[in-house]
Amino acid sequence: MMEILVRNRRIAKSKNCRVKYGNPKDFKTLQVRITHEDKVYTYEIDSEKLSVEKDSIHFYPKVESGKLSIQWDQETADNIKLISKD
């Protein structure tokens, strides 16, 4: 089993971004690295909090005055954490 599954996404003009993870039994932690301009926002969620009926999660980026905010889909929002902003 893999410890961390990393997925990278770059924000351009997207309204709805999909992060495909496959089977959550194959890894312990899903790490999503979202790049906007020169910043990388790193989020993590435990695989046990991910649905086995689905293979992906979604987020909705908003850029206002050059600042990025991320809204996660309902099932994900309570369990995913921002761990760094570089």
PDB file of N, CA and C in Angstrom:
ATOM      1  N   MET A   1       0.844  -1.188   0.000  1.00  0.00           N
ATOM      2  CA  MET A   1       0.000   0.000   0.000  1.00  0.00           C
ATOM      3  C   MET A   1       0.880   1.239   0.000  1.00  0.00           C
ATOM      4  N   MET A   2       0.481   2.190  -0.809  1.00  0.00           N
ATOM      5  CA  MET A   2       1.191   3.455  -0.899  1.00  0.00           C
ATOM      6  C   MET A   2       0.791   4.343   0.284  1.00  0.00           C
ATOM      7  N   GLU A   3       1.757   5.058   0.840  1.00  0.00           N
ATOM      8  CA  GLU A   3       1.463   5.984   1.946  1.00  0.00           C
ATOM      9  C   GLU A   3       0.666   7.185   1.453  1.00  0.00           C
ATOM     10  N   ILE A   4       1.253   7.914   0.490  1.00  0.00           N
ATOM     11  CA  ILE A   4       0.648   9.159   0.021  1.00  0.00           C
ATOM     12  C   ILE A   4       0.472   9.126  -1.498  1.00  0.00           C
ATOM     13  N   LEU A   5      -0.746   9.400  -1.949  1.00  0.00           N
ATOM     14  CA  LEU A   5      -1.031   9.565  -3.366  1.00  0.00           C
ATOM     15  C   LEU A   5      -1.087  11.068  -3.626  1.00  0.00           C
ATOM     16  N   VAL A   6      -0.237  11.554  -4.544  1.00  0.00           N
ATOM     17  CA  VAL A   6      -0.154  12.990  -4.818  1.00  0.00           C
ATOM     18  C   VAL A   6      -0.823  13.284  -6.150  1.00  0.00           C
ATOM     19  N   ARG A   7      -1.684  14.297  -6.139  1.00  0.00           N
ATOM     20  CA  ARG A   7      -2.312  14.787  -7.366  1.00  0.00           C
ATOM     21  C   ARG A   7      -2.036  16.282  -7.472  1.00  0.00           C
ATOM     22  N   ASN A   8      -1.609  16.724  -8.648  1.00  0.00           N
ATOM     23  CA  ASN A   8      -1.301  18.138  -8.885  1.00  0.00           C
ATOM     24  C   ASN A   8      -2.347  18.751  -9.799  1.00  0.00           C
ATOM     25  N   ARG A   9      -2.783  19.955  -9.457  1.00  0.00           N
ATOM     26  CA  ARG A   9      -3.726  20.702 -10.291  1.00  0.00           C
ATOM     27  C   ARG A   9      -3.243  22.146 -10.418  1.00  0.00           C
ATOM     28  N   ARG A  10      -3.428  22.711 -11.597  1.00  0.00           N
ATOM     29  CA  ARG A  10      -3.071  24.109 -11.841  1.00  0.00           C
ATOM     30  C   ARG A  10      -4.369  24.864 -12.100  1.00  0.00           C
ATOM     31  N   ILE A  11      -4.525  26.003 -11.423  1.00  0.00           N
ATOM     32  CA  ILE A  11      -5.735  26.807 -11.577  1.00  0.00           C
ATOM     33  C   ILE A  11      -5.530  27.814 -12.702  1.00  0.00           C
ATOM     34  N   ALA A  12      -6.401  27.741 -13.683  1.00  0.00           N
ATOM     35  CA  ALA A  12      -6.391  28.741 -14.743  1.00  0.00           C
ATOM     36  C   ALA A  12      -7.756  29.419 -14.684  1.00  0.00           C
ATOM     37  N   LYS A  13      -8.636  29.046 -15.595  1.00  0.00           N
ATOM     38  CA  LYS A  13      -9.973  29.632 -15.579  1.00  0.00           C
ATOM     39  C   LYS A  13     -11.014  28.571 -15.221  1.00  0.00           C
ATOM     40  N   SER A  14     -10.593  27.513 -14.555  1.00  0.00           N
ATOM     41  CA  SER A  14     -11.491  26.407 -14.224  1.00  0.00           C
ATOM     42  C   SER A  14     -12.548  26.834 -13.224  1.00  0.00           C
ATOM     43  N   LYS A  15     -13.731  26.278 -13.366  1.00  0.00           N
ATOM     44  CA  LYS A  15     -14.813  26.514 -12.413  1.00  0.00           C
ATOM     45  C   LYS A  15     -15.007  25.287 -11.510  1.00  0.00           C
ATOM     46  N   ASN A  16     -14.743  24.117 -12.074  1.00  0.00           N
ATOM     47  CA  ASN A  16     -14.940  22.869 -11.362  1.00  0.00           C
ATOM     48  C   ASN A  16     -13.742  21.978 -11.665  1.00  0.00           C
ATOM     49  N   CYS A  17     -12.977  21.617 -10.651  1.00  0.00           N
ATOM     50  CA  CYS A  17     -11.776  20.818 -10.859  1.00  0.00           C
ATOM     51  C   CYS A  17     -11.962  19.444 -10.239  1.00  0.00           C
ATOM     52  N   ARG A  18     -11.638  18.427 -11.001  1.00  0.00           N
ATOM     53  CA  ARG A  18     -11.776  17.049 -10.551  1.00  0.00           C
ATOM     54  C   ARG A  18     -10.407  16.521 -10.142  1.00  0.00           C
ATOM     55  N   VAL A  19     -10.387  15.785  -9.035  1.00  0.00           N
ATOM     56  CA  VAL A  19      -9.163  15.132  -8.577  1.00  0.00           C
ATOM     57  C   VAL A  19      -9.469  13.641  -8.503  1.00  0.00           C
ATOM     58  N   LYS A  20      -8.927  12.885  -9.445  1.00  0.00           N
ATOM     59  CA  LYS A  20      -9.188  11.445  -9.495  1.00  0.00           C
ATOM     60  C   LYS A  20      -8.212  10.723  -8.578  1.00  0.00           C
ATOM     61  N   TYR A  21      -8.742   9.839  -7.736  1.00  0.00           N
ATOM     62  CA  TYR A  21      -7.869   9.092  -6.819  1.00  0.00           C
ATOM     63  C   TYR A  21      -7.949   7.582  -6.993  1.00  0.00           C
ATOM     64  N   GLY A  22      -8.925   7.080  -7.722  1.00  0.00           N
ATOM     65  CA  GLY A  22      -9.031   5.636  -7.921  1.00  0.00           C
ATOM     66  C   GLY A  22      -9.617   4.947  -6.702  1.00  0.00           C
ATOM     67  N   ASN A  23      -8.966   3.905  -6.226  1.00  0.00           N
ATOM     68  CA  ASN A  23      -9.448   3.136  -5.087  1.00  0.00           C
ATOM     69  C   ASN A  23      -8.770   3.619  -3.804  1.00  0.00           C
ATOM     70  N   PRO A  24      -9.545   4.140  -2.837  1.00  0.00           N
ATOM     71  CA  PRO A  24      -8.937   4.660  -1.606  1.00  0.00           C
ATOM     72  C   PRO A  24      -8.268   3.593  -0.736  1.00  0.00           C
ATOM     73  N   LYS A  25      -8.479   2.325  -1.058  1.00  0.00           N
ATOM     74  CA  LYS A  25      -7.817   1.243  -0.302  1.00  0.00           C
ATOM     75  C   LYS A  25      -6.351   1.076  -0.725  1.00  0.00           C
ATOM     76  N   ASP A  26      -5.960   1.755  -1.823  1.00  0.00           N
ATOM     77  CA  ASP A  26      -4.599   1.621  -2.358  1.00  0.00           C
ATOM     78  C   ASP A  26      -3.593   2.586  -1.733  1.00  0.00           C
ATOM     79  N   PHE A  27      -4.056   3.512  -0.899  1.00  0.00           N
ATOM     80  CA  PHE A  27      -3.165   4.502  -0.295  1.00  0.00           C
ATOM     81  C   PHE A  27      -3.741   4.942   1.046  1.00  0.00           C
ATOM     82  N   LYS A  28      -2.901   5.592   1.872  1.00  0.00           N
ATOM     83  CA  LYS A  28      -3.348   6.064   3.188  1.00  0.00           C
ATOM     84  C   LYS A  28      -3.827   7.512   3.168  1.00  0.00           C
ATOM     85  N   THR A  29      -3.131   8.358   2.419  1.00  0.00           N
ATOM     86  CA  THR A  29      -3.432   9.792   2.396  1.00  0.00           C
ATOM     87  C   THR A  29      -3.445  10.291   0.961  1.00  0.00           C
ATOM     88  N   LEU A  30      -4.475  11.082   0.628  1.00  0.00           N
ATOM     89  CA  LEU A  30      -4.510  11.760  -0.658  1.00  0.00           C
ATOM     90  C   LEU A  30      -4.015  13.175  -0.435  1.00  0.00           C
ATOM     91  N   GLN A  31      -2.992  13.551  -1.201  1.00  0.00           N
ATOM     92  CA  GLN A  31      -2.453  14.901  -1.110  1.00  0.00           C
ATOM     93  C   GLN A  31      -2.743  15.605  -2.439  1.00  0.00           C
ATOM     94  N   VAL A  32      -3.402  16.777  -2.348  1.00  0.00           N
ATOM     95  CA  VAL A  32      -3.741  17.551  -3.538  1.00  0.00           C
ATOM     96  C   VAL A  32      -2.941  18.841  -3.491  1.00  0.00           C
ATOM     97  N   ARG A  33      -2.111  19.038  -4.510  1.00  0.00           N
ATOM     98  CA  ARG A  33      -1.298  20.256  -4.610  1.00  0.00           C
ATOM     99  C   ARG A  33      -1.882  21.123  -5.703  1.00  0.00           C
ATOM    100  N   ILE A  34      -2.408  22.282  -5.288  1.00  0.00           N
ATOM    101  CA  ILE A  34      -3.075  23.183  -6.213  1.00  0.00           C
ATOM    102  C   ILE A  34      -2.171  24.383  -6.460  1.00  0.00           C
ATOM    103  N   THR A  35      -1.785  24.574  -7.719  1.00  0.00           N
ATOM    104  CA  THR A  35      -0.901  25.680  -8.072  1.00  0.00           C
ATOM    105  C   THR A  35      -1.713  26.821  -8.665  1.00  0.00           C
ATOM    106  N   HIS A  36      -1.511  28.004  -8.105  1.00  0.00           N
ATOM    107  CA  HIS A  36      -2.128  29.221  -8.646  1.00  0.00           C
ATOM    108  C   HIS A  36      -1.043  30.285  -8.702  1.00  0.00           C
ATOM    109  N   GLU A  37      -0.758  30.755  -9.915  1.00  0.00           N
ATOM    110  CA  GLU A  37       0.344  31.667 -10.157  1.00  0.00           C
ATOM    111  C   GLU A  37       1.617  31.078  -9.569  1.00  0.00           C
ATOM    112  N   ASP A  38       2.228  31.705  -8.568  1.00  0.00           N
ATOM    113  CA  ASP A  38       3.491  31.158  -8.042  1.00  0.00           C
ATOM    114  C   ASP A  38       3.322  30.509  -6.672  1.00  0.00           C
ATOM    115  N   LYS A  39       2.090  30.247  -6.254  1.00  0.00           N
ATOM    116  CA  LYS A  39       1.851  29.628  -4.950  1.00  0.00           C
ATOM    117  C   LYS A  39       1.322  28.205  -5.111  1.00  0.00           C
ATOM    118  N   VAL A  40       1.728  27.334  -4.187  1.00  0.00           N
ATOM    119  CA  VAL A  40       1.221  25.965  -4.166  1.00  0.00           C
ATOM    120  C   VAL A  40       0.494  25.740  -2.843  1.00  0.00           C
ATOM    121  N   TYR A  41      -0.773  25.387  -2.945  1.00  0.00           N
ATOM    122  CA  TYR A  41      -1.611  25.098  -1.785  1.00  0.00           C
ATOM    123  C   TYR A  41      -1.703  23.576  -1.674  1.00  0.00           C
ATOM    124  N   THR A  42      -1.260  23.027  -0.538  1.00  0.00           N
ATOM    125  CA  THR A  42      -1.252  21.582  -0.367  1.00  0.00           C
ATOM    126  C   THR A  42      -2.311  21.168   0.640  1.00  0.00           C
ATOM    127  N   TYR A  43      -3.206  20.289   0.189  1.00  0.00           N
ATOM    128  CA  TYR A  43      -4.294  19.769   1.013  1.00  0.00           C
ATOM    129  C   TYR A  43      -4.099  18.276   1.212  1.00  0.00           C
ATOM    130  N   GLU A  44      -4.551  17.769   2.363  1.00  0.00           N
ATOM    131  CA  GLU A  44      -4.512  16.323   2.602  1.00  0.00           C
ATOM    132  C   GLU A  44      -5.830  15.837   3.182  1.00  0.00           C
ATOM    133  N   ILE A  45      -6.162  14.593   2.818  1.00  0.00           N
ATOM    134  CA  ILE A  45      -7.340  13.917   3.364  1.00  0.00           C
ATOM    135  C   ILE A  45      -6.992  12.443   3.548  1.00  0.00           C
ATOM    136  N   ASP A  46      -7.430  11.853   4.666  1.00  0.00           N
ATOM    137  CA  ASP A  46      -7.211  10.420   4.907  1.00  0.00           C
ATOM    138  C   ASP A  46      -8.053   9.614   3.938  1.00  0.00           C
ATOM    139  N   SER A  47      -7.483   8.534   3.429  1.00  0.00           N
ATOM    140  CA  SER A  47      -8.199   7.725   2.438  1.00  0.00           C
ATOM    141  C   SER A  47      -9.482   7.124   3.007  1.00  0.00           C
ATOM    142  N   GLU A  48      -9.515   6.870   4.327  1.00  0.00           N
ATOM    143  CA  GLU A  48     -10.730   6.295   4.919  1.00  0.00           C
ATOM    144  C   GLU A  48     -11.915   7.264   4.877  1.00  0.00           C
ATOM    145  N   LYS A  49     -11.647   8.556   4.611  1.00  0.00           N
ATOM    146  CA  LYS A  49     -12.710   9.562   4.510  1.00  0.00           C
ATOM    147  C   LYS A  49     -13.212   9.709   3.070  1.00  0.00           C
ATOM    148  N   LEU A  50     -12.601   8.981   2.139  1.00  0.00           N
ATOM    149  CA  LEU A  50     -12.993   9.055   0.732  1.00  0.00           C
ATOM    150  C   LEU A  50     -13.977   7.943   0.391  1.00  0.00           C
ATOM    151  N   SER A  51     -14.876   8.228  -0.530  1.00  0.00           N
ATOM    152  CA  SER A  51     -15.891   7.255  -0.932  1.00  0.00           C
ATOM    153  C   SER A  51     -15.279   6.141  -1.779  1.00  0.00           C
ATOM    154  N   VAL A  52     -15.709   4.899  -1.513  1.00  0.00           N
ATOM    155  CA  VAL A  52     -15.292   3.791  -2.376  1.00  0.00           C
ATOM    156  C   VAL A  52     -16.249   3.658  -3.562  1.00  0.00           C
ATOM    157  N   GLU A  53     -17.403   4.317  -3.485  1.00  0.00           N
ATOM    158  CA  GLU A  53     -18.351   4.286  -4.607  1.00  0.00           C
ATOM    159  C   GLU A  53     -17.944   5.240  -5.719  1.00  0.00           C
ATOM    160  N   LYS A  54     -17.082   6.202  -5.392  1.00  0.00           N
ATOM    161  CA  LYS A  54     -16.609   7.164  -6.391  1.00  0.00           C
ATOM    162  C   LYS A  54     -15.105   6.974  -6.564  1.00  0.00           C
ATOM    163  N   ASP A  55     -14.538   7.664  -7.544  1.00  0.00           N
ATOM    164  CA  ASP A  55     -13.085   7.578  -7.740  1.00  0.00           C
ATOM    165  C   ASP A  55     -12.452   8.953  -7.766  1.00  0.00           C
ATOM    166  N   SER A  56     -13.239   9.992  -7.391  1.00  0.00           N
ATOM    167  CA  SER A  56     -12.693  11.345  -7.460  1.00  0.00           C
ATOM    168  C   SER A  56     -13.448  12.289  -6.522  1.00  0.00           C
ATOM    169  N   ILE A  57     -12.800  13.424  -6.251  1.00  0.00           N
ATOM    170  CA  ILE A  57     -13.421  14.511  -5.506  1.00  0.00           C
ATOM    171  C   ILE A  57     -13.340  15.761  -6.377  1.00  0.00           C
ATOM    172  N   HIS A  58     -14.103  16.786  -6.018  1.00  0.00           N
ATOM    173  CA  HIS A  58     -14.133  18.021  -6.804  1.00  0.00           C
ATOM    174  C   HIS A  58     -13.900  19.224  -5.911  1.00  0.00           C
ATOM    175  N   PHE A  59     -13.305  20.251  -6.510  1.00  0.00           N
ATOM    176  CA  PHE A  59     -13.222  21.535  -5.829  1.00  0.00           C
ATOM    177  C   PHE A  59     -13.525  22.649  -6.816  1.00  0.00           C
ATOM    178  N   TYR A  60     -13.927  23.790  -6.246  1.00  0.00           N
ATOM    179  CA  TYR A  60     -14.364  24.930  -7.030  1.00  0.00           C
ATOM    180  C   TYR A  60     -13.504  26.124  -6.643  1.00  0.00           C
ATOM    181  N   PRO A  61     -12.547  26.491  -7.487  1.00  0.00           N
ATOM    182  CA  PRO A  61     -11.653  27.610  -7.155  1.00  0.00           C
ATOM    183  C   PRO A  61     -12.302  28.956  -7.462  1.00  0.00           C
ATOM    184  N   LYS A  62     -12.013  29.921  -6.619  1.00  0.00           N
ATOM    185  CA  LYS A  62     -12.442  31.304  -6.857  1.00  0.00           C
ATOM    186  C   LYS A  62     -11.219  32.183  -6.689  1.00  0.00           C
ATOM    187  N   VAL A  63     -10.998  33.067  -7.652  1.00  0.00           N
ATOM    188  CA  VAL A  63      -9.899  34.019  -7.546  1.00  0.00           C
ATOM    189  C   VAL A  63     -10.508  35.412  -7.480  1.00  0.00           C
ATOM    190  N   GLU A  64     -10.280  36.079  -6.351  1.00  0.00           N
ATOM    191  CA  GLU A  64     -10.767  37.444  -6.186  1.00  0.00           C
ATOM    192  C   GLU A  64      -9.587  38.308  -5.757  1.00  0.00           C
ATOM    193  N   SER A  65      -9.347  39.377  -6.483  1.00  0.00           N
ATOM    194  CA  SER A  65      -8.219  40.289  -6.215  1.00  0.00           C
ATOM    195  C   SER A  65      -6.894  39.535  -6.124  1.00  0.00           C
ATOM    196  N   GLY A  66      -6.727  38.536  -6.983  1.00  0.00           N
ATOM    197  CA  GLY A  66      -5.484  37.771  -7.013  1.00  0.00           C
ATOM    198  C   GLY A  66      -5.357  36.715  -5.935  1.00  0.00           C
ATOM    199  N   LYS A  67      -6.339  36.624  -5.027  1.00  0.00           N
ATOM    200  CA  LYS A  67      -6.289  35.624  -3.950  1.00  0.00           C
ATOM    201  C   LYS A  67      -7.161  34.427  -4.313  1.00  0.00           C
ATOM    202  N   LEU A  68      -6.622  33.247  -4.051  1.00  0.00           N
ATOM    203  CA  LEU A  68      -7.329  32.011  -4.365  1.00  0.00           C
ATOM    204  C   LEU A  68      -8.071  31.500  -3.140  1.00  0.00           C
ATOM    205  N   SER A  69      -9.326  31.124  -3.330  1.00  0.00           N
ATOM    206  CA  SER A  69     -10.035  30.387  -2.285  1.00  0.00           C
ATOM    207  C   SER A  69     -10.589  29.118  -2.920  1.00  0.00           C
ATOM    208  N   ILE A  70     -10.595  28.050  -2.149  1.00  0.00           N
ATOM    209  CA  ILE A  70     -11.011  26.741  -2.642  1.00  0.00           C
ATOM    210  C   ILE A  70     -12.230  26.298  -1.849  1.00  0.00           C
ATOM    211  N   GLN A  71     -13.274  25.917  -2.578  1.00  0.00           N
ATOM    212  CA  GLN A  71     -14.439  25.305  -1.940  1.00  0.00           C
ATOM    213  C   GLN A  71     -14.474  23.852  -2.396  1.00  0.00           C
ATOM    214  N   TRP A  72     -14.479  22.931  -1.453  1.00  0.00           N
ATOM    215  CA  TRP A  72     -14.499  21.497  -1.764  1.00  0.00           C
ATOM    216  C   TRP A  72     -15.934  21.008  -1.835  1.00  0.00           C
ATOM    217  N   ASP A  73     -16.146  19.893  -2.525  1.00  0.00           N
ATOM    218  CA  ASP A  73     -17.489  19.319  -2.558  1.00  0.00           C
ATOM    219  C   ASP A  73     -17.905  18.901  -1.146  1.00  0.00           C
ATOM    220  N   GLN A  74     -19.213  18.726  -0.958  1.00  0.00           N
ATOM    221  CA  GLN A  74     -19.776  18.542   0.378  1.00  0.00           C
ATOM    222  C   GLN A  74     -19.168  17.391   1.169  1.00  0.00           C
ATOM    223  N   GLU A  75     -18.993  16.240   0.531  1.00  0.00           N
ATOM    224  CA  GLU A  75     -18.469  15.073   1.263  1.00  0.00           C
ATOM    225  C   GLU A  75     -17.031  15.295   1.723  1.00  0.00           C
ATOM    226  N   THR A  76     -16.297  16.118   0.997  1.00  0.00           N
ATOM    227  CA  THR A  76     -14.870  16.312   1.247  1.00  0.00           C
ATOM    228  C   THR A  76     -14.581  17.445   2.224  1.00  0.00           C
ATOM    229  N   ALA A  77     -15.384  18.490   2.183  1.00  0.00           N
ATOM    230  CA  ALA A  77     -15.085  19.756   2.874  1.00  0.00           C
ATOM    231  C   ALA A  77     -14.732  19.602   4.354  1.00  0.00           C
ATOM    232  N   ASP A  78     -15.451  18.747   5.084  1.00  0.00           N
ATOM    233  CA  ASP A  78     -15.208  18.601   6.516  1.00  0.00           C
ATOM    234  C   ASP A  78     -13.928  17.846   6.846  1.00  0.00           C
ATOM    235  N   ASN A  79     -13.395  17.096   5.895  1.00  0.00           N
ATOM    236  CA  ASN A  79     -12.295  16.187   6.184  1.00  0.00           C
ATOM    237  C   ASN A  79     -10.953  16.573   5.567  1.00  0.00           C
ATOM    238  N   ILE A  80     -10.984  17.475   4.610  1.00  0.00           N
ATOM    239  CA  ILE A  80      -9.727  17.837   3.943  1.00  0.00           C
ATOM    240  C   ILE A  80      -9.124  19.057   4.641  1.00  0.00           C
ATOM    241  N   LYS A  81      -7.807  19.052   4.779  1.00  0.00           N
ATOM    242  CA  LYS A  81      -7.126  20.131   5.522  1.00  0.00           C
ATOM    243  C   LYS A  81      -6.039  20.753   4.660  1.00  0.00           C
ATOM    244  N   LEU A  82      -5.941  22.071   4.746  1.00  0.00           N
ATOM    245  CA  LEU A  82      -4.834  22.788   4.111  1.00  0.00           C
ATOM    246  C   LEU A  82      -3.617  22.610   5.007  1.00  0.00           C
ATOM    247  N   ILE A  83      -2.567  21.958   4.495  1.00  0.00           N
ATOM    248  CA  ILE A  83      -1.389  21.725   5.339  1.00  0.00           C
ATOM    249  C   ILE A  83      -0.239  22.680   5.046  1.00  0.00           C
ATOM    250  N   SER A  84      -0.227  23.282   3.832  1.00  0.00           N
ATOM    251  CA  SER A  84       0.809  24.277   3.558  1.00  0.00           C
ATOM    252  C   SER A  84       0.427  25.164   2.389  1.00  0.00           C
ATOM    253  N   LYS A  85       1.030  26.353   2.394  1.00  0.00           N
ATOM    254  CA  LYS A  85       0.845  27.320   1.323  1.00  0.00           C
ATOM    255  C   LYS A  85       2.216  27.904   1.060  1.00  0.00           C
ATOM    256  N   ASP A  86       2.836  27.478  -0.046  1.00  0.00           N
ATOM    257  CA  ASP A  86       4.216  27.888  -0.351  1.00  0.00           C
ATOM    258  C   ASP A  86       4.264  28.828  -1.542  1.00  0.00           C
TER     259      ASP A  86
END
